[in-house]
Amino acid sequence: GEPLLFARIKAVHEALPGAAPGEESRRLVDVTYRRFVHRGAALDPAAQQRLLAIHARIAELQQRQGRNTLEEESRLAVVVRSKTELAGLPADRIAAAKADAVARKLPDAWLIPVARPAVWPVLQHASSRDLRERVWRKWVGRGGNAGEFDSRPVLDELLRLRWEKARLLGFPSYAHWQTAELMIGTPEAAMALLDRHWKQVLSLTRTEL
């Protein structure tokens, strides 16, 4: 099983550099060992059991969040009472909005479902800033509305479990754990990179806006 495999990898790693014949082999041993440790192979049995429980609960919460988003998307919509509000939209999207309204027994209105195929054309083409804002707020607010499909408690628990996992594995935060095995190395380095890129494209972005 994996404990026996890790024990053998650990023994080879502790015997470096003599345990591996060349630079590439030593690098392979080191990377393999660190990946096992990164996943929790070096934890004591009780900590490993807790880590397994955390992983199971995180998977369950992620599935629930996904279901909440899909369920809410199927129910959320922006009702438009005047066709003039739809100025700028392609004719096929206006026709679809009318068909969606009729399907929901609102024959005198137009309906924009809060789903990507309906939302994006509005954000890209609608002349009405008010309509774009209403649609955008509904879109970004998915999962954050009180009721059966409210994902806020789900996300709260998910964040707490990710923090516990990181601390269990010896990291100050989940971001530190997640970036440790990536080329970027740390969340601070990732933020610095993003900040440099943002400054480089800021003037161009303002021009495009």
N, C-alpha and C. Protein backbone atom coordinates (compact mmCIF):
# COMPACT_ATOMS: atom_id res chain seq x y z
N GLY A 1 0.82 -1.20 0.00
CA GLY A 1 0.00 0.00 0.00
C GLY A 1 0.86 1.25 0.00
N GLU A 2 0.20 2.39 0.03
CA GLU A 2 0.92 3.66 -0.04
C GLU A 2 1.86 3.88 1.15
N PRO A 3 1.48 3.51 2.40
CA PRO A 3 2.43 3.71 3.51
C PRO A 3 3.76 2.99 3.30
N LEU A 4 3.69 1.75 2.78
CA LEU A 4 4.91 0.99 2.53
C LEU A 4 5.72 1.64 1.41
N LEU A 5 5.03 2.09 0.37
CA LEU A 5 5.72 2.76 -0.74
C LEU A 5 6.41 4.03 -0.25
N PHE A 6 5.69 4.83 0.57
CA PHE A 6 6.29 6.06 1.08
C PHE A 6 7.50 5.75 1.97
N ALA A 7 7.41 4.68 2.76
CA ALA A 7 8.54 4.31 3.62
C ALA A 7 9.78 4.02 2.78
N ARG A 8 9.60 3.36 1.66
CA ARG A 8 10.73 3.04 0.78
C ARG A 8 11.28 4.31 0.14
N ILE A 9 10.36 5.20 -0.31
CA ILE A 9 10.79 6.47 -0.92
C ILE A 9 11.54 7.32 0.11
N LYS A 10 11.02 7.34 1.34
CA LYS A 10 11.66 8.12 2.40
C LYS A 10 13.06 7.59 2.69
N ALA A 11 13.20 6.27 2.72
CA ALA A 11 14.50 5.66 2.99
C ALA A 11 15.51 6.05 1.92
N VAL A 12 15.09 6.02 0.67
CA VAL A 12 15.98 6.41 -0.43
C VAL A 12 16.31 7.90 -0.33
N HIS A 13 15.32 8.71 -0.01
CA HIS A 13 15.53 10.16 0.09
C HIS A 13 16.51 10.49 1.21
N GLU A 14 16.39 9.81 2.33
CA GLU A 14 17.27 10.08 3.46
C GLU A 14 18.70 9.62 3.19
N ALA A 15 18.84 8.71 2.23
CA ALA A 15 20.18 8.19 1.89
C ALA A 15 20.84 8.95 0.74
N LEU A 16 20.20 10.05 0.28
CA LEU A 16 20.81 10.85 -0.78
C LEU A 16 22.08 11.54 -0.24
N PRO A 17 23.07 11.81 -1.09
CA PRO A 17 23.06 11.59 -2.54
C PRO A 17 23.49 10.19 -2.96
N GLY A 18 24.00 9.41 -2.02
CA GLY A 18 24.52 8.10 -2.39
C GLY A 18 23.47 7.14 -2.90
N ALA A 19 22.17 7.38 -2.55
CA ALA A 19 21.11 6.44 -2.92
C ALA A 19 20.72 6.53 -4.39
N ALA A 20 21.15 7.58 -5.08
CA ALA A 20 20.78 7.75 -6.49
C ALA A 20 22.05 7.99 -7.30
N PRO A 21 22.15 7.38 -8.49
CA PRO A 21 23.41 7.39 -9.24
C PRO A 21 23.75 8.70 -9.94
N GLY A 22 22.79 9.51 -10.25
CA GLY A 22 23.08 10.72 -11.01
C GLY A 22 22.18 11.88 -10.60
N GLU A 23 22.47 13.05 -11.17
CA GLU A 23 21.73 14.26 -10.81
C GLU A 23 20.24 14.12 -11.12
N GLU A 24 19.91 13.56 -12.28
CA GLU A 24 18.50 13.40 -12.65
C GLU A 24 17.78 12.46 -11.69
N SER A 25 18.43 11.38 -11.33
CA SER A 25 17.83 10.41 -10.40
C SER A 25 17.62 11.03 -9.03
N ARG A 26 18.60 11.80 -8.57
CA ARG A 26 18.46 12.46 -7.26
C ARG A 26 17.32 13.46 -7.28
N ARG A 27 17.21 14.18 -8.40
CA ARG A 27 16.11 15.14 -8.54
C ARG A 27 14.77 14.42 -8.53
N LEU A 28 14.67 13.28 -9.21
CA LEU A 28 13.43 12.51 -9.25
C LEU A 28 13.05 12.01 -7.86
N VAL A 29 14.02 11.52 -7.11
CA VAL A 29 13.75 11.06 -5.74
C VAL A 29 13.25 12.21 -4.88
N ASP A 30 13.91 13.36 -4.98
CA ASP A 30 13.54 14.51 -4.17
C ASP A 30 12.14 15.00 -4.50
N VAL A 31 11.82 15.12 -5.78
CA VAL A 31 10.49 15.59 -6.20
C VAL A 31 9.41 14.60 -5.77
N THR A 32 9.66 13.31 -5.96
CA THR A 32 8.69 12.28 -5.57
C THR A 32 8.44 12.31 -4.07
N TYR A 33 9.52 12.42 -3.29
CA TYR A 33 9.38 12.48 -1.83
C TYR A 33 8.56 13.70 -1.41
N ARG A 34 8.88 14.87 -1.97
CA ARG A 34 8.17 16.10 -1.58
C ARG A 34 6.70 16.04 -1.97
N ARG A 35 6.38 15.40 -3.08
CA ARG A 35 4.98 15.28 -3.50
C ARG A 35 4.19 14.40 -2.53
N PHE A 36 4.81 13.33 -2.07
CA PHE A 36 4.15 12.47 -1.08
C PHE A 36 3.92 13.24 0.22
N VAL A 37 4.93 13.96 0.67
CA VAL A 37 4.80 14.75 1.90
C VAL A 37 3.74 15.82 1.73
N HIS A 38 3.70 16.43 0.56
CA HIS A 38 2.73 17.49 0.27
C HIS A 38 1.30 16.97 0.38
N ARG A 39 1.10 15.70 0.08
CA ARG A 39 -0.23 15.09 0.15
C ARG A 39 -0.53 14.52 1.54
N GLY A 40 0.46 14.56 2.44
CA GLY A 40 0.20 14.13 3.82
C GLY A 40 0.74 12.77 4.18
N ALA A 41 1.60 12.20 3.35
CA ALA A 41 2.10 10.85 3.61
C ALA A 41 2.96 10.78 4.86
N ALA A 42 3.54 11.92 5.28
CA ALA A 42 4.43 11.91 6.45
C ALA A 42 3.68 12.15 7.75
N LEU A 43 2.38 12.36 7.71
CA LEU A 43 1.60 12.61 8.92
C LEU A 43 1.45 11.33 9.73
N ASP A 44 1.21 11.51 11.02
CA ASP A 44 0.95 10.33 11.86
C ASP A 44 -0.43 9.77 11.52
N PRO A 45 -0.73 8.53 11.90
CA PRO A 45 -1.99 7.89 11.49
C PRO A 45 -3.24 8.70 11.86
N ALA A 46 -3.28 9.30 13.04
CA ALA A 46 -4.46 10.07 13.44
C ALA A 46 -4.65 11.27 12.53
N ALA A 47 -3.55 11.96 12.22
CA ALA A 47 -3.63 13.13 11.35
C ALA A 47 -4.03 12.72 9.93
N GLN A 48 -3.54 11.57 9.48
CA GLN A 48 -3.92 11.09 8.15
C GLN A 48 -5.41 10.77 8.08
N GLN A 49 -5.95 10.20 9.14
CA GLN A 49 -7.38 9.92 9.17
C GLN A 49 -8.19 11.21 9.13
N ARG A 50 -7.73 12.22 9.86
CA ARG A 50 -8.42 13.51 9.82
C ARG A 50 -8.33 14.12 8.43
N LEU A 51 -7.18 13.99 7.79
CA LEU A 51 -7.02 14.53 6.43
C LEU A 51 -7.97 13.84 5.46
N LEU A 52 -8.12 12.53 5.59
CA LEU A 52 -9.05 11.79 4.73
C LEU A 52 -10.49 12.28 4.94
N ALA A 53 -10.84 12.53 6.20
CA ALA A 53 -12.19 13.03 6.51
C ALA A 53 -12.39 14.42 5.93
N ILE A 54 -11.36 15.25 6.00
CA ILE A 54 -11.44 16.60 5.42
C ILE A 54 -11.64 16.51 3.92
N HIS A 55 -10.88 15.64 3.25
CA HIS A 55 -11.00 15.48 1.80
C HIS A 55 -12.41 15.03 1.42
N ALA A 56 -12.96 14.10 2.17
CA ALA A 56 -14.30 13.60 1.86
C ALA A 56 -15.34 14.71 2.02
N ARG A 57 -15.21 15.48 3.09
CA ARG A 57 -16.17 16.56 3.33
C ARG A 57 -16.02 17.68 2.30
N ILE A 58 -14.79 18.00 1.92
CA ILE A 58 -14.57 19.01 0.89
C ILE A 58 -15.21 18.60 -0.43
N ALA A 59 -15.04 17.33 -0.81
CA ALA A 59 -15.65 16.84 -2.05
C ALA A 59 -17.17 16.96 -1.99
N GLU A 60 -17.75 16.63 -0.85
CA GLU A 60 -19.20 16.73 -0.67
C GLU A 60 -19.67 18.18 -0.78
N LEU A 61 -18.93 19.09 -0.15
CA LEU A 61 -19.30 20.50 -0.18
C LEU A 61 -19.17 21.08 -1.58
N GLN A 62 -18.14 20.70 -2.31
CA GLN A 62 -17.96 21.20 -3.67
C GLN A 62 -19.09 20.73 -4.58
N GLN A 63 -19.53 19.48 -4.38
CA GLN A 63 -20.67 18.98 -5.16
C GLN A 63 -21.94 19.74 -4.82
N ARG A 64 -22.12 20.03 -3.52
CA ARG A 64 -23.31 20.76 -3.11
C ARG A 64 -23.30 22.17 -3.68
N GLN A 65 -22.15 22.81 -3.66
CA GLN A 65 -22.06 24.16 -4.21
C GLN A 65 -22.41 24.16 -5.70
N GLY A 66 -21.88 23.17 -6.43
CA GLY A 66 -22.20 23.08 -7.85
C GLY A 66 -23.68 22.88 -8.10
N ARG A 67 -24.31 22.02 -7.28
CA ARG A 67 -25.75 21.78 -7.42
C ARG A 67 -26.53 23.06 -7.10
N ASN A 68 -26.12 23.76 -6.05
CA ASN A 68 -26.79 25.00 -5.68
C ASN A 68 -26.76 26.00 -6.83
N THR A 69 -25.59 26.12 -7.45
CA THR A 69 -25.45 27.08 -8.55
C THR A 69 -26.36 26.71 -9.71
N LEU A 70 -26.37 25.43 -10.09
CA LEU A 70 -27.21 24.99 -11.19
C LEU A 70 -28.69 25.18 -10.88
N GLU A 71 -29.09 24.82 -9.66
CA GLU A 71 -30.49 24.95 -9.28
C GLU A 71 -30.92 26.42 -9.29
N GLU A 72 -30.04 27.28 -8.77
CA GLU A 72 -30.41 28.70 -8.73
C GLU A 72 -30.44 29.30 -10.12
N GLU A 73 -29.50 28.89 -10.96
CA GLU A 73 -29.51 29.38 -12.34
C GLU A 73 -30.82 29.04 -13.03
N SER A 74 -31.37 27.87 -12.73
CA SER A 74 -32.60 27.45 -13.39
C SER A 74 -33.82 28.26 -12.92
N ARG A 75 -33.66 28.98 -11.81
CA ARG A 75 -34.78 29.74 -11.25
C ARG A 75 -34.64 31.25 -11.40
N LEU A 76 -33.40 31.76 -11.37
CA LEU A 76 -33.17 33.19 -11.42
C LEU A 76 -33.39 33.75 -12.82
N ALA A 77 -33.97 34.92 -12.88
CA ALA A 77 -34.19 35.59 -14.17
C ALA A 77 -34.43 37.07 -13.93
N VAL A 78 -34.17 37.86 -14.95
CA VAL A 78 -34.46 39.30 -14.92
C VAL A 78 -35.65 39.54 -15.82
N VAL A 79 -36.69 40.15 -15.26
CA VAL A 79 -37.91 40.44 -16.02
C VAL A 79 -37.80 41.82 -16.63
N VAL A 80 -38.07 41.92 -17.93
CA VAL A 80 -38.03 43.20 -18.66
C VAL A 80 -39.45 43.52 -19.11
N ARG A 81 -39.93 44.70 -18.75
CA ARG A 81 -41.32 45.05 -19.04
C ARG A 81 -41.50 45.81 -20.35
N SER A 82 -40.43 46.39 -20.89
CA SER A 82 -40.53 47.16 -22.13
C SER A 82 -39.47 46.70 -23.11
N LYS A 83 -39.87 46.53 -24.35
CA LYS A 83 -38.94 46.06 -25.37
C LYS A 83 -37.82 47.06 -25.61
N THR A 84 -38.09 48.34 -25.33
CA THR A 84 -37.05 49.35 -25.54
C THR A 84 -35.83 49.11 -24.65
N GLU A 85 -36.05 48.45 -23.52
CA GLU A 85 -34.92 48.14 -22.63
C GLU A 85 -33.95 47.15 -23.27
N LEU A 86 -34.42 46.44 -24.29
CA LEU A 86 -33.58 45.42 -24.93
C LEU A 86 -32.80 45.95 -26.13
N ALA A 87 -32.82 47.28 -26.33
CA ALA A 87 -32.12 47.88 -27.46
C ALA A 87 -30.66 47.44 -27.47
N GLY A 88 -30.19 47.12 -28.67
CA GLY A 88 -28.81 46.69 -28.83
C GLY A 88 -28.64 45.19 -28.88
N LEU A 89 -29.62 44.45 -28.35
CA LEU A 89 -29.52 43.00 -28.36
C LEU A 89 -29.82 42.45 -29.76
N PRO A 90 -29.15 41.37 -30.15
CA PRO A 90 -29.48 40.72 -31.43
C PRO A 90 -30.94 40.26 -31.43
N ALA A 91 -31.53 40.23 -32.61
CA ALA A 91 -32.94 39.88 -32.73
C ALA A 91 -33.24 38.49 -32.18
N ASP A 92 -32.32 37.54 -32.36
CA ASP A 92 -32.58 36.19 -31.88
C ASP A 92 -32.62 36.13 -30.35
N ARG A 93 -31.82 37.00 -29.69
CA ARG A 93 -31.85 37.02 -28.23
C ARG A 93 -33.13 37.67 -27.72
N ILE A 94 -33.63 38.68 -28.43
CA ILE A 94 -34.90 39.30 -28.04
C ILE A 94 -36.04 38.29 -28.18
N ALA A 95 -36.02 37.53 -29.28
CA ALA A 95 -37.04 36.51 -29.49
C ALA A 95 -36.95 35.43 -28.41
N ALA A 96 -35.74 35.07 -28.03
CA ALA A 96 -35.57 34.06 -26.98
C ALA A 96 -36.08 34.58 -25.64
N ALA A 97 -35.85 35.86 -25.38
CA ALA A 97 -36.34 36.46 -24.13
C ALA A 97 -37.87 36.45 -24.08
N LYS A 98 -38.49 36.70 -25.22
CA LYS A 98 -39.96 36.65 -25.28
C LYS A 98 -40.45 35.22 -25.06
N ALA A 99 -39.79 34.26 -25.70
CA ALA A 99 -40.20 32.87 -25.56
C ALA A 99 -40.04 32.40 -24.11
N ASP A 100 -38.96 32.81 -23.45
CA ASP A 100 -38.76 32.43 -22.05
C ASP A 100 -39.82 33.04 -21.15
N ALA A 101 -40.22 34.28 -21.47
CA ALA A 101 -41.26 34.94 -20.67
C ALA A 101 -42.60 34.23 -20.85
N VAL A 102 -42.92 33.87 -22.06
CA VAL A 102 -44.17 33.17 -22.34
C VAL A 102 -44.18 31.81 -21.62
N ALA A 103 -43.04 31.14 -21.65
CA ALA A 103 -42.94 29.83 -20.99
C ALA A 103 -43.19 29.95 -19.49
N ARG A 104 -42.84 31.08 -18.92
CA ARG A 104 -43.05 31.28 -17.48
C ARG A 104 -44.33 32.09 -17.20
N LYS A 105 -45.22 32.10 -18.19
CA LYS A 105 -46.54 32.72 -18.06
C LYS A 105 -46.46 34.22 -17.78
N LEU A 106 -45.55 34.89 -18.53
CA LEU A 106 -45.44 36.35 -18.49
C LEU A 106 -45.50 36.86 -19.93
N PRO A 107 -46.66 36.71 -20.58
CA PRO A 107 -46.76 37.01 -22.02
C PRO A 107 -46.51 38.48 -22.37
N ASP A 108 -46.67 39.39 -21.42
CA ASP A 108 -46.49 40.81 -21.70
C ASP A 108 -45.08 41.30 -21.36
N ALA A 109 -44.15 40.39 -21.09
CA ALA A 109 -42.81 40.78 -20.68
C ALA A 109 -41.77 40.02 -21.50
N TRP A 110 -40.52 40.28 -21.19
CA TRP A 110 -39.38 39.55 -21.76
C TRP A 110 -38.56 39.05 -20.58
N LEU A 111 -37.98 37.89 -20.72
CA LEU A 111 -37.28 37.28 -19.59
C LEU A 111 -35.85 36.92 -19.98
N ILE A 112 -34.91 37.32 -19.14
CA ILE A 112 -33.51 36.98 -19.37
C ILE A 112 -33.08 36.01 -18.28
N PRO A 113 -33.00 34.71 -18.58
CA PRO A 113 -32.56 33.74 -17.57
C PRO A 113 -31.12 34.03 -17.14
N VAL A 114 -30.82 33.77 -15.89
CA VAL A 114 -29.47 34.00 -15.39
C VAL A 114 -28.63 32.75 -15.68
N ALA A 115 -28.33 32.60 -16.95
CA ALA A 115 -27.49 31.50 -17.45
C ALA A 115 -26.58 32.09 -18.52
N ARG A 116 -25.40 31.55 -18.64
CA ARG A 116 -24.38 32.16 -19.50
C ARG A 116 -24.86 32.48 -20.93
N PRO A 117 -25.55 31.57 -21.62
CA PRO A 117 -25.95 31.89 -23.00
C PRO A 117 -26.87 33.10 -23.10
N ALA A 118 -27.62 33.40 -22.03
CA ALA A 118 -28.51 34.56 -22.06
C ALA A 118 -27.85 35.80 -21.47
N VAL A 119 -26.97 35.60 -20.48
CA VAL A 119 -26.35 36.74 -19.79
C VAL A 119 -25.32 37.44 -20.66
N TRP A 120 -24.45 36.67 -21.30
CA TRP A 120 -23.33 37.27 -22.02
C TRP A 120 -23.76 38.22 -23.14
N PRO A 121 -24.74 37.86 -23.97
CA PRO A 121 -25.17 38.81 -25.01
C PRO A 121 -25.67 40.13 -24.43
N VAL A 122 -26.32 40.08 -23.26
CA VAL A 122 -26.78 41.32 -22.63
C VAL A 122 -25.59 42.17 -22.21
N LEU A 123 -24.63 41.57 -21.55
CA LEU A 123 -23.47 42.32 -21.08
C LEU A 123 -22.65 42.87 -22.25
N GLN A 124 -22.67 42.19 -23.37
CA GLN A 124 -21.87 42.63 -24.51
C GLN A 124 -22.59 43.64 -25.39
N HIS A 125 -23.92 43.53 -25.51
CA HIS A 125 -24.62 44.30 -26.55
C HIS A 125 -25.70 45.25 -26.05
N ALA A 126 -26.25 45.04 -24.88
CA ALA A 126 -27.38 45.87 -24.44
C ALA A 126 -26.96 47.33 -24.29
N SER A 127 -27.77 48.23 -24.82
CA SER A 127 -27.49 49.67 -24.71
C SER A 127 -27.79 50.18 -23.31
N SER A 128 -28.75 49.57 -22.64
CA SER A 128 -29.18 50.03 -21.32
C SER A 128 -28.19 49.63 -20.24
N ARG A 129 -27.59 50.65 -19.61
CA ARG A 129 -26.66 50.37 -18.51
C ARG A 129 -27.43 49.74 -17.34
N ASP A 130 -28.64 50.21 -17.11
CA ASP A 130 -29.44 49.67 -16.01
C ASP A 130 -29.71 48.18 -16.21
N LEU A 131 -30.04 47.79 -17.43
CA LEU A 131 -30.30 46.38 -17.70
C LEU A 131 -29.02 45.56 -17.52
N ARG A 132 -27.91 46.06 -18.04
CA ARG A 132 -26.64 45.34 -17.89
C ARG A 132 -26.31 45.15 -16.41
N GLU A 133 -26.55 46.18 -15.62
CA GLU A 133 -26.24 46.08 -14.19
C GLU A 133 -27.16 45.08 -13.49
N ARG A 134 -28.45 45.13 -13.81
CA ARG A 134 -29.39 44.20 -13.19
C ARG A 134 -29.01 42.75 -13.50
N VAL A 135 -28.70 42.50 -14.76
CA VAL A 135 -28.33 41.14 -15.18
C VAL A 135 -27.02 40.73 -14.52
N TRP A 136 -26.04 41.63 -14.52
CA TRP A 136 -24.74 41.31 -13.95
C TRP A 136 -24.86 41.01 -12.46
N ARG A 137 -25.64 41.81 -11.73
CA ARG A 137 -25.78 41.58 -10.29
C ARG A 137 -26.45 40.24 -10.00
N LYS A 138 -27.43 39.88 -10.79
CA LYS A 138 -28.06 38.56 -10.62
C LYS A 138 -27.05 37.45 -10.90
N TRP A 139 -26.24 37.67 -11.94
CA TRP A 139 -25.28 36.65 -12.35
C TRP A 139 -24.22 36.43 -11.28
N VAL A 140 -23.60 37.49 -10.79
CA VAL A 140 -22.53 37.33 -9.80
C VAL A 140 -23.08 36.99 -8.42
N GLY A 141 -24.39 37.17 -8.23
CA GLY A 141 -24.99 36.87 -6.94
C GLY A 141 -25.48 35.45 -6.79
N ARG A 142 -25.27 34.63 -7.82
CA ARG A 142 -25.71 33.24 -7.74
C ARG A 142 -25.07 32.54 -6.55
N GLY A 143 -25.88 31.81 -5.80
CA GLY A 143 -25.37 31.11 -4.64
C GLY A 143 -25.30 31.95 -3.39
N GLY A 144 -25.59 33.25 -3.53
CA GLY A 144 -25.52 34.15 -2.38
C GLY A 144 -26.87 34.69 -1.97
N ASN A 145 -27.91 33.96 -2.31
CA ASN A 145 -29.27 34.39 -1.98
C ASN A 145 -29.85 33.46 -0.92
N ALA A 146 -30.53 34.06 0.04
CA ALA A 146 -31.11 33.26 1.13
C ALA A 146 -32.09 32.24 0.57
N GLY A 147 -32.13 31.07 1.20
CA GLY A 147 -33.06 30.04 0.76
C GLY A 147 -32.39 28.69 0.65
N GLU A 148 -33.08 27.80 -0.02
CA GLU A 148 -32.64 26.41 -0.11
C GLU A 148 -31.29 26.25 -0.79
N PHE A 149 -30.97 27.15 -1.73
CA PHE A 149 -29.75 26.99 -2.52
C PHE A 149 -28.68 28.02 -2.17
N ASP A 150 -28.73 28.51 -0.95
CA ASP A 150 -27.75 29.48 -0.47
C ASP A 150 -26.41 28.77 -0.24
N SER A 151 -25.38 29.16 -0.98
CA SER A 151 -24.07 28.50 -0.87
C SER A 151 -23.16 29.17 0.15
N ARG A 152 -23.59 30.24 0.77
CA ARG A 152 -22.70 30.93 1.71
C ARG A 152 -22.28 30.05 2.89
N PRO A 153 -23.19 29.31 3.53
CA PRO A 153 -22.73 28.41 4.59
C PRO A 153 -21.81 27.31 4.06
N VAL A 154 -22.06 26.86 2.84
CA VAL A 154 -21.23 25.83 2.23
C VAL A 154 -19.80 26.35 2.03
N LEU A 155 -19.70 27.57 1.50
CA LEU A 155 -18.38 28.15 1.26
C LEU A 155 -17.65 28.45 2.56
N ASP A 156 -18.40 28.87 3.57
CA ASP A 156 -17.80 29.15 4.86
C ASP A 156 -17.14 27.88 5.43
N GLU A 157 -17.85 26.76 5.38
CA GLU A 157 -17.28 25.51 5.88
C GLU A 157 -16.12 25.05 5.00
N LEU A 158 -16.27 25.23 3.70
CA LEU A 158 -15.22 24.82 2.78
C LEU A 158 -13.92 25.57 3.06
N LEU A 159 -14.02 26.87 3.30
CA LEU A 159 -12.82 27.66 3.59
C LEU A 159 -12.19 27.24 4.91
N ARG A 160 -13.02 26.96 5.92
CA ARG A 160 -12.49 26.53 7.20
C ARG A 160 -11.77 25.17 7.09
N LEU A 161 -12.32 24.26 6.29
CA LEU A 161 -11.70 22.96 6.10
C LEU A 161 -10.39 23.07 5.32
N ARG A 162 -10.35 23.95 4.33
CA ARG A 162 -9.11 24.14 3.58
C ARG A 162 -8.03 24.72 4.48
N TRP A 163 -8.42 25.64 5.37
CA TRP A 163 -7.46 26.20 6.32
C TRP A 163 -6.94 25.11 7.25
N GLU A 164 -7.85 24.25 7.76
CA GLU A 164 -7.43 23.17 8.65
C GLU A 164 -6.49 22.21 7.92
N LYS A 165 -6.79 21.90 6.69
CA LYS A 165 -5.94 21.02 5.90
C LYS A 165 -4.54 21.61 5.76
N ALA A 166 -4.48 22.89 5.44
CA ALA A 166 -3.18 23.54 5.27
C ALA A 166 -2.37 23.50 6.56
N ARG A 167 -3.02 23.80 7.68
CA ARG A 167 -2.31 23.80 8.95
C ARG A 167 -1.86 22.38 9.33
N LEU A 168 -2.68 21.40 9.00
CA LEU A 168 -2.34 20.01 9.28
C LEU A 168 -1.07 19.61 8.53
N LEU A 169 -0.91 20.17 7.33
CA LEU A 169 0.22 19.84 6.48
C LEU A 169 1.41 20.79 6.68
N GLY A 170 1.27 21.70 7.66
CA GLY A 170 2.40 22.55 8.01
C GLY A 170 2.50 23.86 7.27
N PHE A 171 1.38 24.33 6.69
CA PHE A 171 1.38 25.58 5.94
C PHE A 171 0.50 26.62 6.66
N PRO A 172 0.85 27.90 6.55
CA PRO A 172 0.06 28.93 7.24
C PRO A 172 -1.31 29.20 6.62
N SER A 173 -1.49 28.81 5.36
CA SER A 173 -2.78 29.02 4.70
C SER A 173 -2.93 28.04 3.55
N TYR A 174 -4.16 27.90 3.05
CA TYR A 174 -4.41 27.01 1.92
C TYR A 174 -3.68 27.50 0.67
N ALA A 175 -3.58 28.81 0.52
CA ALA A 175 -2.88 29.37 -0.63
C ALA A 175 -1.41 28.98 -0.61
N HIS A 176 -0.79 28.97 0.58
CA HIS A 176 0.61 28.55 0.68
C HIS A 176 0.75 27.07 0.32
N TRP A 177 -0.19 26.24 0.78
CA TRP A 177 -0.13 24.82 0.42
C TRP A 177 -0.29 24.62 -1.07
N GLN A 178 -1.26 25.33 -1.66
CA GLN A 178 -1.58 25.12 -3.07
C GLN A 178 -0.46 25.57 -3.99
N THR A 179 0.26 26.63 -3.63
CA THR A 179 1.31 27.14 -4.51
C THR A 179 2.67 26.49 -4.25
N ALA A 180 2.81 25.75 -3.15
CA ALA A 180 4.12 25.20 -2.78
C ALA A 180 4.70 24.29 -3.84
N GLU A 181 3.84 23.55 -4.56
CA GLU A 181 4.32 22.60 -5.57
C GLU A 181 4.29 23.20 -6.97
N LEU A 182 3.93 24.47 -7.08
CA LEU A 182 3.89 25.12 -8.39
C LEU A 182 5.15 25.94 -8.61
N MET A 183 5.40 26.30 -9.86
CA MET A 183 6.59 27.07 -10.18
C MET A 183 6.60 28.41 -9.45
N ILE A 184 5.43 29.00 -9.22
CA ILE A 184 5.36 30.32 -8.59
C ILE A 184 5.82 30.28 -7.14
N GLY A 185 5.61 29.14 -6.45
CA GLY A 185 6.19 28.94 -5.14
C GLY A 185 5.38 29.41 -3.94
N THR A 186 4.93 30.65 -3.96
CA THR A 186 4.20 31.20 -2.81
C THR A 186 3.07 32.10 -3.30
N PRO A 187 2.03 32.32 -2.47
CA PRO A 187 0.96 33.25 -2.86
C PRO A 187 1.47 34.68 -2.99
N GLU A 188 2.50 35.03 -2.20
CA GLU A 188 3.06 36.38 -2.29
C GLU A 188 3.70 36.60 -3.66
N ALA A 189 4.40 35.58 -4.16
CA ALA A 189 5.01 35.69 -5.49
C ALA A 189 3.94 35.76 -6.57
N ALA A 190 2.85 35.00 -6.38
CA ALA A 190 1.76 35.04 -7.35
C ALA A 190 1.12 36.42 -7.40
N MET A 191 0.89 37.02 -6.23
CA MET A 191 0.30 38.36 -6.18
C MET A 191 1.23 39.40 -6.78
N ALA A 192 2.53 39.27 -6.52
CA ALA A 192 3.50 40.21 -7.09
C ALA A 192 3.51 40.12 -8.61
N LEU A 193 3.42 38.90 -9.14
CA LEU A 193 3.38 38.70 -10.59
C LEU A 193 2.13 39.33 -11.18
N LEU A 194 0.99 39.08 -10.55
CA LEU A 194 -0.26 39.66 -11.04
C LEU A 194 -0.22 41.18 -10.99
N ASP A 195 0.36 41.72 -9.92
CA ASP A 195 0.44 43.16 -9.78
C ASP A 195 1.31 43.78 -10.87
N ARG A 196 2.42 43.14 -11.18
CA ARG A 196 3.29 43.64 -12.26
C ARG A 196 2.56 43.61 -13.59
N HIS A 197 1.87 42.52 -13.86
CA HIS A 197 1.14 42.41 -15.13
C HIS A 197 0.01 43.43 -15.20
N TRP A 198 -0.68 43.62 -14.07
CA TRP A 198 -1.79 44.59 -14.05
C TRP A 198 -1.28 45.98 -14.40
N LYS A 199 -0.15 46.37 -13.83
CA LYS A 199 0.39 47.70 -14.11
C LYS A 199 0.78 47.83 -15.58
N GLN A 200 1.24 46.73 -16.18
CA GLN A 200 1.64 46.77 -17.58
C GLN A 200 0.45 46.94 -18.52
N VAL A 201 -0.68 46.34 -18.16
CA VAL A 201 -1.84 46.37 -19.08
C VAL A 201 -2.88 47.42 -18.69
N LEU A 202 -2.63 48.16 -17.58
CA LEU A 202 -3.65 49.08 -17.09
C LEU A 202 -4.01 50.15 -18.10
N SER A 203 -3.01 50.78 -18.70
CA SER A 203 -3.31 51.86 -19.64
C SER A 203 -4.05 51.33 -20.87
N LEU A 204 -3.63 50.14 -21.35
CA LEU A 204 -4.31 49.54 -22.51
C LEU A 204 -5.74 49.18 -22.16
N THR A 205 -5.95 48.64 -20.96
CA THR A 205 -7.30 48.27 -20.53
C THR A 205 -8.20 49.49 -20.46
N ARG A 206 -7.69 50.58 -19.92
CA ARG A 206 -8.49 51.81 -19.83
C ARG A 206 -8.86 52.30 -21.21
N THR A 207 -7.91 52.20 -22.16
CA THR A 207 -8.21 52.62 -23.52
C THR A 207 -9.32 51.77 -24.14
N GLU A 208 -9.23 50.44 -23.93
CA GLU A 208 -10.24 49.54 -24.49
C GLU A 208 -11.61 49.77 -23.85
N LEU A 209 -11.62 50.04 -22.54
CA LEU A 209 -12.89 50.31 -21.88
C LEU A 209 -13.55 51.58 -22.42
